[in-house]
C-alpha cells in the first residue's frame, strides 16, 4: 500500500454510523482511522464492485473509504455483516 501523509475526512454517512456504535468501539475505530494519516497501513483491502475503493478491518467492524489524492474520505463504518449493503 502507499506510504505518505493523508488528511482524513468523514462523509456525513460515516459520522452517522459512528454515532450509532457503542462508544468503546467507536473510539477504537477512530484511533485506527487516525493511523491512516501516516500511510495506508493495517488490514486494508482494495474492494471490487463496491461503493468505496478500500476497506479497513477492525474486528467485526469495517471502515469503507476512498483515497482522493492526499485525502482519505471515510464513507461508511459498520458491522461486517451490514456495511456492504
N, C-alpha and C. Protein backbone atom coordinates (compact mmCIF):
# COMPACT_ATOMS: atom_id res chain seq x y z
N UNK A 1 0.84 -1.18 0.00
CA UNK A 1 0.00 0.00 0.00
C UNK A 1 0.89 1.25 0.00
N UNK A 2 0.27 2.34 -0.36
CA UNK A 2 1.01 3.59 -0.49
C UNK A 2 1.45 4.13 0.87
N UNK A 3 2.61 4.76 0.86
CA UNK A 3 3.10 5.43 2.06
C UNK A 3 2.95 6.93 1.85
N UNK A 4 2.84 7.67 2.91
CA UNK A 4 2.75 9.11 2.78
C UNK A 4 1.85 9.70 3.83
N UNK A 5 1.59 11.01 3.67
CA UNK A 5 0.75 11.73 4.61
C UNK A 5 -0.61 11.97 3.96
N UNK A 6 -1.64 11.70 4.71
CA UNK A 6 -3.00 11.89 4.23
C UNK A 6 -3.78 12.73 5.22
N UNK A 7 -4.80 13.38 4.72
CA UNK A 7 -5.74 14.11 5.57
C UNK A 7 -7.01 13.27 5.58
N UNK A 8 -7.49 12.92 6.76
CA UNK A 8 -8.68 12.08 6.89
C UNK A 8 -9.91 12.97 7.01
N UNK A 9 -10.91 12.68 6.18
CA UNK A 9 -12.18 13.38 6.22
C UNK A 9 -13.29 12.35 6.37
N UNK A 10 -14.41 12.77 6.93
CA UNK A 10 -15.54 11.87 7.15
C UNK A 10 -16.75 12.36 6.37
N UNK A 11 -17.36 11.47 5.60
CA UNK A 11 -18.63 11.78 4.96
C UNK A 11 -19.71 11.82 6.04
N UNK A 12 -20.80 12.51 5.77
CA UNK A 12 -21.90 12.62 6.74
C UNK A 12 -22.42 11.24 7.14
N UNK A 13 -22.49 10.32 6.18
CA UNK A 13 -22.98 8.97 6.48
C UNK A 13 -22.05 8.24 7.45
N UNK A 14 -20.74 8.44 7.34
CA UNK A 14 -19.79 7.79 8.24
C UNK A 14 -19.92 8.34 9.66
N UNK A 15 -20.13 9.65 9.79
CA UNK A 15 -20.31 10.24 11.12
C UNK A 15 -21.58 9.71 11.78
N UNK A 16 -22.62 9.55 10.98
CA UNK A 16 -23.87 8.99 11.49
C UNK A 16 -23.65 7.54 11.95
N UNK A 17 -22.91 6.77 11.14
CA UNK A 17 -22.60 5.38 11.50
C UNK A 17 -21.84 5.32 12.82
N UNK A 18 -20.85 6.19 12.99
CA UNK A 18 -20.04 6.19 14.21
C UNK A 18 -20.88 6.53 15.44
N UNK A 19 -21.81 7.47 15.29
CA UNK A 19 -22.66 7.85 16.42
C UNK A 19 -23.55 6.70 16.87
N UNK A 20 -23.88 5.80 15.95
CA UNK A 20 -24.78 4.69 16.30
C UNK A 20 -24.05 3.52 16.95
N UNK A 21 -22.72 3.53 16.93
CA UNK A 21 -21.94 2.44 17.51
C UNK A 21 -21.75 2.66 19.02
N UNK A 22 -21.51 1.56 19.75
CA UNK A 22 -21.15 1.72 21.17
C UNK A 22 -19.88 2.57 21.29
N UNK A 23 -19.81 3.40 22.32
CA UNK A 23 -18.70 4.35 22.48
C UNK A 23 -17.33 3.68 22.43
N UNK A 24 -17.19 2.56 23.07
CA UNK A 24 -15.89 1.88 23.11
C UNK A 24 -15.42 1.50 21.71
N UNK A 25 -16.32 0.90 20.92
CA UNK A 25 -15.97 0.50 19.56
C UNK A 25 -15.70 1.72 18.68
N UNK A 26 -16.53 2.75 18.83
CA UNK A 26 -16.34 3.97 18.03
C UNK A 26 -14.97 4.60 18.33
N UNK A 27 -14.58 4.65 19.60
CA UNK A 27 -13.27 5.20 19.97
C UNK A 27 -12.13 4.39 19.37
N UNK A 28 -12.25 3.08 19.40
CA UNK A 28 -11.21 2.22 18.83
C UNK A 28 -11.10 2.45 17.32
N UNK A 29 -12.23 2.55 16.66
CA UNK A 29 -12.23 2.78 15.22
C UNK A 29 -11.60 4.13 14.89
N UNK A 30 -11.95 5.16 15.64
CA UNK A 30 -11.37 6.49 15.40
C UNK A 30 -9.86 6.48 15.56
N UNK A 31 -9.36 5.77 16.58
CA UNK A 31 -7.89 5.68 16.76
C UNK A 31 -7.24 4.98 15.57
N UNK A 32 -7.86 3.92 15.10
CA UNK A 32 -7.29 3.18 13.97
C UNK A 32 -7.33 4.01 12.69
N UNK A 33 -8.40 4.75 12.50
CA UNK A 33 -8.52 5.61 11.31
C UNK A 33 -7.46 6.70 11.34
N UNK A 34 -7.17 7.25 12.52
CA UNK A 34 -6.15 8.30 12.62
C UNK A 34 -4.78 7.80 12.17
N UNK A 35 -4.52 6.53 12.35
CA UNK A 35 -3.23 5.95 11.89
C UNK A 35 -3.10 6.02 10.37
N UNK A 36 -4.23 6.09 9.66
CA UNK A 36 -4.19 6.16 8.20
C UNK A 36 -3.55 7.46 7.72
N UNK A 37 -3.51 8.48 8.57
CA UNK A 37 -2.86 9.74 8.18
C UNK A 37 -1.40 9.53 7.83
N UNK A 38 -0.77 8.50 8.39
CA UNK A 38 0.65 8.24 8.17
C UNK A 38 0.90 7.24 7.06
N UNK A 39 -0.15 6.78 6.40
CA UNK A 39 0.00 5.84 5.30
C UNK A 39 -1.04 4.75 5.38
N UNK A 40 -1.21 4.07 4.29
CA UNK A 40 -2.22 3.01 4.22
C UNK A 40 -1.66 1.72 4.79
N UNK A 41 -1.62 1.66 6.11
CA UNK A 41 -1.10 0.50 6.82
C UNK A 41 -2.22 -0.15 7.60
N UNK A 42 -2.13 -1.44 7.78
CA UNK A 42 -3.14 -2.17 8.53
C UNK A 42 -3.81 -3.20 7.65
N UNK A 43 -4.90 -3.72 8.11
CA UNK A 43 -5.62 -4.75 7.37
C UNK A 43 -6.54 -4.07 6.36
N UNK A 44 -5.94 -3.65 5.24
CA UNK A 44 -6.64 -2.90 4.20
C UNK A 44 -6.70 -3.74 2.94
N UNK A 45 -7.86 -3.72 2.29
CA UNK A 45 -8.01 -4.40 1.01
C UNK A 45 -8.67 -3.46 0.03
N UNK A 46 -8.30 -3.58 -1.23
CA UNK A 46 -8.98 -2.85 -2.30
C UNK A 46 -10.26 -3.62 -2.61
N UNK A 47 -11.36 -2.90 -2.74
CA UNK A 47 -12.64 -3.54 -2.99
C UNK A 47 -12.99 -3.53 -4.47
N UNK A 48 -13.69 -4.55 -4.89
CA UNK A 48 -14.21 -4.66 -6.26
C UNK A 48 -15.72 -4.47 -6.22
N UNK A 49 -16.27 -3.75 -7.16
CA UNK A 49 -17.73 -3.59 -7.27
C UNK A 49 -18.37 -3.12 -5.97
N UNK A 50 -17.81 -2.12 -5.35
CA UNK A 50 -18.33 -1.58 -4.09
C UNK A 50 -18.43 -0.06 -4.19
N UNK A 51 -19.15 0.54 -3.26
CA UNK A 51 -19.31 1.99 -3.24
C UNK A 51 -18.01 2.71 -2.90
N UNK A 52 -17.16 2.06 -2.12
CA UNK A 52 -15.88 2.64 -1.72
C UNK A 52 -14.74 1.80 -2.31
N UNK A 53 -13.57 2.42 -2.43
CA UNK A 53 -12.44 1.74 -3.06
C UNK A 53 -11.70 0.79 -2.13
N UNK A 54 -11.69 1.10 -0.82
CA UNK A 54 -10.92 0.31 0.14
C UNK A 54 -11.75 -0.01 1.37
N UNK A 55 -11.29 -1.01 2.11
CA UNK A 55 -11.88 -1.30 3.42
C UNK A 55 -10.76 -1.56 4.41
N UNK A 56 -10.99 -1.06 5.64
CA UNK A 56 -10.09 -1.30 6.76
C UNK A 56 -10.83 -2.21 7.72
N UNK A 57 -10.22 -3.30 8.11
CA UNK A 57 -10.85 -4.26 9.02
C UNK A 57 -10.41 -3.98 10.44
N UNK A 58 -11.38 -4.00 11.35
CA UNK A 58 -11.09 -3.88 12.77
C UNK A 58 -12.06 -4.79 13.51
N UNK A 59 -11.63 -6.02 13.78
CA UNK A 59 -12.51 -6.99 14.43
C UNK A 59 -13.71 -7.28 13.54
N UNK A 60 -14.90 -7.13 14.10
CA UNK A 60 -16.13 -7.36 13.33
C UNK A 60 -16.60 -6.11 12.60
N UNK A 61 -15.83 -5.03 12.69
CA UNK A 61 -16.22 -3.78 12.05
C UNK A 61 -15.37 -3.51 10.82
N UNK A 62 -15.97 -2.77 9.88
CA UNK A 62 -15.29 -2.38 8.66
C UNK A 62 -15.44 -0.88 8.45
N UNK A 63 -14.37 -0.27 7.96
CA UNK A 63 -14.37 1.14 7.59
C UNK A 63 -14.16 1.18 6.08
N UNK A 64 -15.14 1.69 5.35
CA UNK A 64 -15.04 1.79 3.90
C UNK A 64 -14.60 3.21 3.56
N UNK A 65 -13.59 3.33 2.70
CA UNK A 65 -13.06 4.65 2.39
C UNK A 65 -12.52 4.73 0.98
N UNK A 66 -12.38 5.97 0.52
CA UNK A 66 -11.77 6.27 -0.77
C UNK A 66 -10.51 7.09 -0.54
N UNK A 67 -9.56 6.96 -1.45
CA UNK A 67 -8.36 7.79 -1.42
C UNK A 67 -8.43 8.71 -2.63
N UNK A 68 -8.46 10.01 -2.36
CA UNK A 68 -8.55 11.01 -3.42
C UNK A 68 -7.36 11.94 -3.26
N UNK A 69 -6.33 11.70 -4.04
CA UNK A 69 -5.11 12.49 -3.92
C UNK A 69 -4.46 12.26 -2.57
N UNK A 70 -4.35 13.32 -1.77
CA UNK A 70 -3.74 13.19 -0.44
C UNK A 70 -4.81 13.16 0.66
N UNK A 71 -6.05 12.87 0.27
CA UNK A 71 -7.15 12.80 1.24
C UNK A 71 -7.71 11.39 1.32
N UNK A 72 -8.06 10.98 2.52
CA UNK A 72 -8.80 9.74 2.73
C UNK A 72 -10.19 10.16 3.18
N UNK A 73 -11.20 9.73 2.43
CA UNK A 73 -12.57 10.08 2.75
C UNK A 73 -13.27 8.83 3.27
N UNK A 74 -13.61 8.84 4.56
CA UNK A 74 -14.31 7.72 5.18
C UNK A 74 -15.76 7.80 4.75
N UNK A 75 -16.24 6.75 4.07
CA UNK A 75 -17.59 6.75 3.52
C UNK A 75 -18.60 6.08 4.43
N UNK A 76 -18.18 4.97 5.06
CA UNK A 76 -19.13 4.16 5.82
C UNK A 76 -18.38 3.39 6.90
N UNK A 77 -19.03 3.21 8.05
CA UNK A 77 -18.46 2.44 9.16
C UNK A 77 -19.57 1.55 9.69
N UNK A 78 -19.26 0.27 9.90
CA UNK A 78 -20.29 -0.59 10.47
C UNK A 78 -19.85 -2.02 10.65
N UNK A 79 -20.78 -2.81 11.15
CA UNK A 79 -20.54 -4.24 11.34
C UNK A 79 -20.32 -4.90 9.99
N UNK A 80 -19.45 -5.88 9.95
CA UNK A 80 -19.08 -6.51 8.68
C UNK A 80 -20.27 -7.11 7.95
N UNK A 81 -21.30 -7.54 8.69
CA UNK A 81 -22.43 -8.19 8.02
C UNK A 81 -23.39 -7.18 7.40
N UNK A 82 -23.28 -5.89 7.78
CA UNK A 82 -24.20 -4.88 7.28
C UNK A 82 -23.57 -3.80 6.42
N UNK A 83 -22.29 -3.59 6.56
CA UNK A 83 -21.65 -2.41 5.97
C UNK A 83 -21.60 -2.42 4.44
N UNK A 84 -21.63 -3.58 3.83
CA UNK A 84 -21.51 -3.65 2.38
C UNK A 84 -22.84 -3.50 1.65
N UNK A 85 -23.94 -3.42 2.39
CA UNK A 85 -25.27 -3.29 1.76
C UNK A 85 -25.45 -1.95 1.11
